[in-house]
Amino acid sequence: MPAEARAHGRLLAKERLVVCGVPLLERVFVRLGGAAVTQLAAEGTLAQPGTVVATVDGAARTLLAGERLALNFVQRLSGIATLTKRLVDAVAGAGVVVRDTRKT
């Protein structure tokens, strides 16, 4: 990959999900050498399939080096947020509170 090669990436929701962890994209890519991250969906919002959640522009080497770490963060955190919303919705109106005990 030539050092001067530029790239553009899109973080796309493949299914209905609660957006979570997108600010970590900027931390990953800035740490690796800088890339411009544009967050297009706010944390905690519901994204439909096909929604572009964020874009990343910068050196192709930087994007390739950080894409797996960045995606792992966002996928894991969005998965937890989506499951939590599903559980909260399931007990809505039942007088139950969903709490995090940090136990697995």
N, C-alpha and C. Protein backbone atom coordinates (compact mmCIF):
# COMPACT_ATOMS: atom_id res chain seq x y z
N MET A 1 0.86 -1.17 0.00
CA MET A 1 0.00 0.00 0.00
C MET A 1 0.90 1.23 0.00
N PRO A 2 0.80 2.07 -1.01
CA PRO A 2 1.62 3.29 -1.04
C PRO A 2 1.29 4.21 0.14
N ALA A 3 2.29 4.84 0.70
CA ALA A 3 2.10 5.72 1.86
C ALA A 3 1.14 6.87 1.56
N GLU A 4 1.10 7.31 0.31
CA GLU A 4 0.25 8.46 -0.03
C GLU A 4 -1.19 8.07 -0.39
N ALA A 5 -1.50 6.78 -0.40
CA ALA A 5 -2.85 6.32 -0.74
C ALA A 5 -3.85 6.79 0.31
N ARG A 6 -4.98 7.29 -0.16
CA ARG A 6 -6.05 7.78 0.71
C ARG A 6 -7.22 6.81 0.63
N ALA A 7 -8.05 6.79 1.65
CA ALA A 7 -9.20 5.90 1.67
C ALA A 7 -10.37 6.56 2.39
N HIS A 8 -11.53 6.00 2.13
CA HIS A 8 -12.78 6.47 2.75
C HIS A 8 -13.51 5.22 3.23
N GLY A 9 -13.97 5.25 4.46
CA GLY A 9 -14.73 4.12 5.00
C GLY A 9 -16.06 4.57 5.55
N ARG A 10 -17.03 3.67 5.52
CA ARG A 10 -18.36 3.93 6.09
C ARG A 10 -18.70 2.84 7.07
N LEU A 11 -19.20 3.23 8.22
CA LEU A 11 -19.68 2.28 9.22
C LEU A 11 -21.19 2.17 9.00
N LEU A 12 -21.60 1.02 8.53
CA LEU A 12 -22.97 0.81 8.08
C LEU A 12 -23.68 -0.17 9.01
N ALA A 13 -24.88 0.18 9.44
CA ALA A 13 -25.68 -0.74 10.26
C ALA A 13 -26.24 -1.83 9.36
N LYS A 14 -25.97 -3.08 9.71
CA LYS A 14 -26.49 -4.19 8.92
C LYS A 14 -27.85 -4.65 9.41
N GLU A 15 -28.17 -4.29 10.64
CA GLU A 15 -29.46 -4.64 11.21
C GLU A 15 -29.90 -3.52 12.14
N ARG A 16 -31.13 -3.59 12.62
CA ARG A 16 -31.65 -2.58 13.56
C ARG A 16 -30.84 -2.66 14.85
N LEU A 17 -30.29 -1.52 15.28
CA LEU A 17 -29.44 -1.53 16.47
C LEU A 17 -29.45 -0.19 17.18
N VAL A 18 -29.02 -0.23 18.44
CA VAL A 18 -28.81 0.99 19.21
C VAL A 18 -27.35 1.39 19.02
N VAL A 19 -27.11 2.60 18.55
CA VAL A 19 -25.76 3.08 18.28
C VAL A 19 -25.02 3.30 19.60
N CYS A 20 -23.83 2.72 19.70
CA CYS A 20 -23.02 2.88 20.91
C CYS A 20 -21.55 2.68 20.57
N GLY A 21 -20.70 3.54 21.11
CA GLY A 21 -19.25 3.38 20.95
C GLY A 21 -18.63 4.14 19.80
N VAL A 22 -19.42 4.88 19.05
CA VAL A 22 -18.88 5.58 17.87
C VAL A 22 -17.79 6.59 18.24
N PRO A 23 -17.85 7.29 19.37
CA PRO A 23 -16.75 8.20 19.72
C PRO A 23 -15.39 7.50 19.84
N LEU A 24 -15.40 6.20 20.07
CA LEU A 24 -14.13 5.47 20.14
C LEU A 24 -13.43 5.40 18.79
N LEU A 25 -14.18 5.53 17.70
CA LEU A 25 -13.57 5.53 16.37
C LEU A 25 -12.51 6.61 16.26
N GLU A 26 -12.86 7.80 16.69
CA GLU A 26 -11.92 8.92 16.61
C GLU A 26 -10.69 8.64 17.46
N ARG A 27 -10.87 8.08 18.63
CA ARG A 27 -9.72 7.78 19.49
C ARG A 27 -8.79 6.77 18.83
N VAL A 28 -9.36 5.76 18.21
CA VAL A 28 -8.55 4.73 17.54
C VAL A 28 -7.76 5.36 16.39
N PHE A 29 -8.45 6.09 15.52
CA PHE A 29 -7.80 6.59 14.32
C PHE A 29 -6.85 7.75 14.59
N VAL A 30 -7.13 8.58 15.55
CA VAL A 30 -6.20 9.65 15.93
C VAL A 30 -4.92 9.03 16.49
N ARG A 31 -5.08 8.02 17.29
CA ARG A 31 -3.92 7.34 17.89
C ARG A 31 -3.02 6.70 16.82
N LEU A 32 -3.64 6.23 15.76
CA LEU A 32 -2.89 5.56 14.70
C LEU A 32 -2.24 6.50 13.69
N GLY A 33 -2.52 7.76 13.79
CA GLY A 33 -1.88 8.68 12.86
C GLY A 33 -2.82 9.66 12.21
N GLY A 34 -4.02 9.66 12.63
CA GLY A 34 -4.94 10.69 12.17
C GLY A 34 -5.79 10.29 10.99
N ALA A 35 -7.04 10.44 11.19
CA ALA A 35 -8.04 10.27 10.15
C ALA A 35 -9.24 11.07 10.61
N ALA A 36 -9.97 11.59 9.66
CA ALA A 36 -11.15 12.38 9.99
C ALA A 36 -12.35 11.45 10.17
N VAL A 37 -12.95 11.49 11.35
CA VAL A 37 -14.13 10.68 11.65
C VAL A 37 -15.32 11.61 11.73
N THR A 38 -16.38 11.26 11.01
CA THR A 38 -17.62 12.03 11.07
C THR A 38 -18.71 11.12 11.61
N GLN A 39 -19.23 11.46 12.78
CA GLN A 39 -20.29 10.68 13.39
C GLN A 39 -21.62 11.16 12.81
N LEU A 40 -22.39 10.25 12.21
CA LEU A 40 -23.64 10.61 11.56
C LEU A 40 -24.88 10.17 12.34
N ALA A 41 -24.68 9.33 13.34
CA ALA A 41 -25.79 8.90 14.19
C ALA A 41 -25.37 9.11 15.65
N ALA A 42 -26.25 9.69 16.41
CA ALA A 42 -25.94 10.00 17.81
C ALA A 42 -25.95 8.75 18.67
N GLU A 43 -25.13 8.76 19.70
CA GLU A 43 -25.09 7.66 20.67
C GLU A 43 -26.49 7.45 21.24
N GLY A 44 -26.88 6.20 21.36
CA GLY A 44 -28.16 5.86 21.97
C GLY A 44 -29.35 5.90 21.04
N THR A 45 -29.14 6.32 19.80
CA THR A 45 -30.26 6.36 18.85
C THR A 45 -30.43 5.00 18.19
N LEU A 46 -31.60 4.77 17.67
CA LEU A 46 -31.90 3.53 16.96
C LEU A 46 -31.55 3.72 15.49
N ALA A 47 -30.72 2.84 14.96
CA ALA A 47 -30.34 2.89 13.55
C ALA A 47 -31.00 1.73 12.82
N GLN A 48 -31.53 2.01 11.66
CA GLN A 48 -32.16 0.99 10.83
C GLN A 48 -31.12 0.37 9.90
N PRO A 49 -31.38 -0.83 9.37
CA PRO A 49 -30.44 -1.43 8.43
C PRO A 49 -30.16 -0.49 7.25
N GLY A 50 -28.89 -0.37 6.91
CA GLY A 50 -28.49 0.51 5.82
C GLY A 50 -28.10 1.91 6.25
N THR A 51 -28.32 2.25 7.51
CA THR A 51 -27.95 3.56 8.03
C THR A 51 -26.44 3.68 8.10
N VAL A 52 -25.89 4.78 7.58
CA VAL A 52 -24.47 5.06 7.73
C VAL A 52 -24.30 5.75 9.08
N VAL A 53 -23.64 5.08 10.00
CA VAL A 53 -23.48 5.56 11.36
C VAL A 53 -22.33 6.55 11.47
N ALA A 54 -21.26 6.32 10.69
CA ALA A 54 -20.09 7.20 10.71
C ALA A 54 -19.28 6.98 9.44
N THR A 55 -18.44 7.98 9.12
CA THR A 55 -17.50 7.83 8.02
C THR A 55 -16.10 8.14 8.53
N VAL A 56 -15.11 7.58 7.85
CA VAL A 56 -13.71 7.79 8.21
C VAL A 56 -12.95 8.08 6.92
N ASP A 57 -12.16 9.15 6.92
CA ASP A 57 -11.34 9.52 5.77
C ASP A 57 -9.91 9.72 6.24
N GLY A 58 -8.95 9.23 5.48
CA GLY A 58 -7.56 9.43 5.85
C GLY A 58 -6.63 8.55 5.06
N ALA A 59 -5.43 8.39 5.56
CA ALA A 59 -4.45 7.54 4.91
C ALA A 59 -4.96 6.10 4.90
N ALA A 60 -4.84 5.44 3.76
CA ALA A 60 -5.33 4.07 3.63
C ALA A 60 -4.67 3.15 4.65
N ARG A 61 -3.39 3.34 4.90
CA ARG A 61 -2.69 2.51 5.90
C ARG A 61 -3.30 2.67 7.29
N THR A 62 -3.67 3.89 7.63
CA THR A 62 -4.28 4.15 8.94
C THR A 62 -5.64 3.46 9.03
N LEU A 63 -6.45 3.60 7.99
CA LEU A 63 -7.77 2.98 8.01
C LEU A 63 -7.67 1.46 8.08
N LEU A 64 -6.75 0.87 7.33
CA LEU A 64 -6.59 -0.58 7.36
C LEU A 64 -6.07 -1.06 8.71
N ALA A 65 -5.18 -0.29 9.32
CA ALA A 65 -4.61 -0.68 10.62
C ALA A 65 -5.65 -0.62 11.74
N GLY A 66 -6.59 0.31 11.66
CA GLY A 66 -7.53 0.52 12.75
C GLY A 66 -8.92 -0.03 12.57
N GLU A 67 -9.25 -0.46 11.36
CA GLU A 67 -10.64 -0.82 11.10
C GLU A 67 -11.13 -1.98 11.94
N ARG A 68 -10.35 -3.02 12.15
CA ARG A 68 -10.83 -4.17 12.91
C ARG A 68 -11.03 -3.82 14.38
N LEU A 69 -10.08 -3.10 14.98
CA LEU A 69 -10.22 -2.68 16.38
C LEU A 69 -11.44 -1.78 16.55
N ALA A 70 -11.57 -0.80 15.66
CA ALA A 70 -12.69 0.14 15.74
C ALA A 70 -14.03 -0.58 15.59
N LEU A 71 -14.11 -1.48 14.61
CA LEU A 71 -15.35 -2.22 14.41
C LEU A 71 -15.67 -3.13 15.59
N ASN A 72 -14.65 -3.77 16.16
CA ASN A 72 -14.89 -4.62 17.32
C ASN A 72 -15.49 -3.83 18.48
N PHE A 73 -14.95 -2.63 18.74
CA PHE A 73 -15.50 -1.78 19.80
C PHE A 73 -16.96 -1.46 19.53
N VAL A 74 -17.25 -0.94 18.35
CA VAL A 74 -18.61 -0.48 18.04
C VAL A 74 -19.59 -1.65 17.97
N GLN A 75 -19.17 -2.76 17.39
CA GLN A 75 -20.06 -3.92 17.31
C GLN A 75 -20.41 -4.45 18.71
N ARG A 76 -19.41 -4.59 19.53
CA ARG A 76 -19.63 -5.13 20.88
C ARG A 76 -20.52 -4.20 21.71
N LEU A 77 -20.17 -2.92 21.71
CA LEU A 77 -20.94 -1.96 22.52
C LEU A 77 -22.35 -1.76 21.99
N SER A 78 -22.52 -1.72 20.67
CA SER A 78 -23.87 -1.59 20.10
C SER A 78 -24.70 -2.85 20.37
N GLY A 79 -24.05 -4.01 20.36
CA GLY A 79 -24.75 -5.25 20.69
C GLY A 79 -25.28 -5.24 22.11
N ILE A 80 -24.45 -4.80 23.05
CA ILE A 80 -24.87 -4.71 24.44
C ILE A 80 -26.01 -3.70 24.60
N ALA A 81 -25.87 -2.54 23.97
CA ALA A 81 -26.90 -1.50 24.06
C ALA A 81 -28.22 -1.97 23.44
N THR A 82 -28.14 -2.69 22.33
CA THR A 82 -29.34 -3.19 21.65
C THR A 82 -30.05 -4.23 22.51
N LEU A 83 -29.30 -5.17 23.08
CA LEU A 83 -29.89 -6.19 23.95
C LEU A 83 -30.50 -5.54 25.19
N THR A 84 -29.81 -4.56 25.76
CA THR A 84 -30.34 -3.87 26.94
C THR A 84 -31.66 -3.18 26.62
N LYS A 85 -31.73 -2.52 25.47
CA LYS A 85 -32.99 -1.86 25.06
C LYS A 85 -34.11 -2.89 24.90
N ARG A 86 -33.78 -4.02 24.31
CA ARG A 86 -34.78 -5.08 24.13
C ARG A 86 -35.32 -5.54 25.49
N LEU A 87 -34.43 -5.71 26.47
CA LEU A 87 -34.86 -6.14 27.80
C LEU A 87 -35.68 -5.06 28.51
N VAL A 88 -35.24 -3.81 28.40
CA VAL A 88 -35.98 -2.69 29.01
C VAL A 88 -37.37 -2.59 28.39
N ASP A 89 -37.46 -2.71 27.07
CA ASP A 89 -38.76 -2.66 26.40
C ASP A 89 -39.66 -3.83 26.82
N ALA A 90 -39.08 -4.99 27.05
CA ALA A 90 -39.85 -6.18 27.42
C ALA A 90 -40.52 -6.05 28.78
N VAL A 91 -39.90 -5.31 29.69
CA VAL A 91 -40.47 -5.17 31.04
C VAL A 91 -41.14 -3.81 31.26
N ALA A 92 -41.26 -3.02 30.21
CA ALA A 92 -41.88 -1.70 30.32
C ALA A 92 -43.29 -1.83 30.91
N GLY A 93 -43.59 -1.01 31.90
CA GLY A 93 -44.91 -1.00 32.52
C GLY A 93 -45.10 -2.06 33.59
N ALA A 94 -44.11 -2.89 33.82
CA ALA A 94 -44.24 -3.97 34.80
C ALA A 94 -43.67 -3.59 36.16
N GLY A 95 -43.16 -2.37 36.30
CA GLY A 95 -42.59 -1.95 37.57
C GLY A 95 -41.23 -2.56 37.84
N VAL A 96 -40.58 -3.04 36.80
CA VAL A 96 -39.27 -3.69 36.92
C VAL A 96 -38.20 -2.72 36.42
N VAL A 97 -37.05 -2.76 37.08
CA VAL A 97 -35.92 -1.93 36.66
C VAL A 97 -34.80 -2.86 36.22
N VAL A 98 -34.26 -2.63 35.03
CA VAL A 98 -33.12 -3.40 34.55
C VAL A 98 -31.86 -2.73 35.07
N ARG A 99 -31.01 -3.50 35.75
CA ARG A 99 -29.79 -2.97 36.34
C ARG A 99 -28.59 -3.75 35.84
N ASP A 100 -27.44 -3.07 35.82
CA ASP A 100 -26.19 -3.69 35.40
C ASP A 100 -25.40 -4.08 36.63
N THR A 101 -25.07 -5.37 36.76
CA THR A 101 -24.30 -5.82 37.90
C THR A 101 -22.85 -6.07 37.53
N ARG A 102 -22.51 -5.94 36.26
CA ARG A 102 -21.18 -6.20 35.70
C ARG A 102 -20.76 -7.65 35.89
N LYS A 103 -21.70 -8.51 36.08
CA LYS A 103 -21.42 -9.95 36.18
C LYS A 103 -21.77 -10.59 34.84
N THR A 104 -20.99 -11.57 34.45
CA THR A 104 -21.30 -12.24 33.17
C THR A 104 -21.81 -13.65 33.40
